[in-house]
Amino acid sequence: MPLKEGSSDKTREGNIEKEIDAGKDPKQAAAIAYDVQREAKKHRAPRLPWGGK
């Protein structure tokens, strides 16, 4: 089951729950979810200070 890619804490918590439901150890599930969140933050477009595109 694929995890949601996102940088919000709510998305991370949902991914942790999915991994635990899939039978993973809670510590391992948290590590996977934090990694997915970290990767999503890397690929996010930078914010411009003047709000332009």
C-alpha atoms as a PDB file:
ATOM      1  CA  MET A   1       0.000   0.000   0.000  1.00  0.00           C
ATOM      2  CA  PRO A   2       1.566   3.269  -1.076  1.00  0.00           C
ATOM      3  CA  LEU A   3       2.231   6.004   1.420  1.00  0.00           C
ATOM      4  CA  LYS A   4       1.138   9.578   0.919  1.00  0.00           C
ATOM      5  CA  GLU A   5       3.909  11.971  -0.007  1.00  0.00           C
ATOM      6  CA  GLY A   6       3.646  15.193   1.927  1.00  0.00           C
ATOM      7  CA  SER A   7       5.492  17.396   4.334  1.00  0.00           C
ATOM      8  CA  SER A   8       2.741  17.934   6.900  1.00  0.00           C
ATOM      9  CA  ASP A   9       2.670  16.299  10.314  1.00  0.00           C
ATOM     10  CA  LYS A  10      -0.851  15.015   9.668  1.00  0.00           C
ATOM     11  CA  THR A  11       0.334  13.141   6.567  1.00  0.00           C
ATOM     12  CA  ARG A  12       3.260  11.674   8.520  1.00  0.00           C
ATOM     13  CA  GLU A  13       0.965  10.458  11.294  1.00  0.00           C
ATOM     14  CA  GLY A  14      -1.334   8.818   8.745  1.00  0.00           C
ATOM     15  CA  ASN A  15       1.628   7.064   7.160  1.00  0.00           C
ATOM     16  CA  ILE A  16       2.749   5.784  10.564  1.00  0.00           C
ATOM     17  CA  GLU A  17      -0.716   4.340  11.184  1.00  0.00           C
ATOM     18  CA  LYS A  18      -0.727   2.657   7.752  1.00  0.00           C
ATOM     19  CA  GLU A  19       2.643   1.043   8.386  1.00  0.00           C
ATOM     20  CA  ILE A  20       1.632  -0.196  11.850  1.00  0.00           C
ATOM     21  CA  ASP A  21      -1.582  -1.632  10.401  1.00  0.00           C
ATOM     22  CA  ALA A  22       0.559  -3.403   7.803  1.00  0.00           C
ATOM     23  CA  GLY A  23       2.372  -5.181  10.656  1.00  0.00           C
ATOM     24  CA  LYS A  24       5.565  -3.166  11.007  1.00  0.00           C
ATOM     25  CA  ASP A  25       7.196  -2.352  14.323  1.00  0.00           C
ATOM     26  CA  PRO A  26       6.066   1.129  15.503  1.00  0.00           C
ATOM     27  CA  LYS A  27       9.662   2.422  15.608  1.00  0.00           C
ATOM     28  CA  GLN A  28      10.289   1.200  12.072  1.00  0.00           C
ATOM     29  CA  ALA A  29       6.965   2.658  10.909  1.00  0.00           C
ATOM     30  CA  ALA A  30       7.913   6.044  12.353  1.00  0.00           C
ATOM     31  CA  ALA A  31      11.331   5.936  10.682  1.00  0.00           C
ATOM     32  CA  ILE A  32       9.768   5.181   7.300  1.00  0.00           C
ATOM     33  CA  ALA A  33       7.187   7.952   7.686  1.00  0.00           C
ATOM     34  CA  TYR A  34       9.819  10.511   8.718  1.00  0.00           C
ATOM     35  CA  ASP A  35      11.917   9.535   5.693  1.00  0.00           C
ATOM     36  CA  VAL A  36       8.955  10.009   3.339  1.00  0.00           C
ATOM     37  CA  GLN A  37       8.273  13.420   4.916  1.00  0.00           C
ATOM     38  CA  ARG A  38      11.928  14.462   4.619  1.00  0.00           C
ATOM     39  CA  GLU A  39      12.047  13.471   0.927  1.00  0.00           C
ATOM     40  CA  ALA A  40       8.828  15.394   0.236  1.00  0.00           C
ATOM     41  CA  LYS A  41      10.358  18.512   1.768  1.00  0.00           C
ATOM     42  CA  LYS A  42      13.429  18.146  -0.472  1.00  0.00           C
ATOM     43  CA  HIS A  43      11.343  18.092  -3.644  1.00  0.00           C
ATOM     44  CA  ARG A  44       9.137  21.020  -2.686  1.00  0.00           C
ATOM     45  CA  ALA A  45       9.467  24.190  -4.774  1.00  0.00           C
ATOM     46  CA  PRO A  46      11.232  27.032  -2.945  1.00  0.00           C
ATOM     47  CA  ARG A  47       9.125  29.969  -1.829  1.00  0.00           C
ATOM     48  CA  LEU A  48       9.980  33.286  -3.404  1.00  0.00           C
ATOM     49  CA  PRO A  49      10.185  36.267  -1.054  1.00  0.00           C
ATOM     50  CA  TRP A  50       8.017  38.493  -3.286  1.00  0.00           C
ATOM     51  CA  GLY A  51       5.339  35.826  -3.882  1.00  0.00           C
ATOM     52  CA  GLY A  52       6.014  35.557  -7.620  1.00  0.00           C
ATOM     53  CA  LYS A  53       6.349  32.459  -9.734  1.00  0.00           C
END
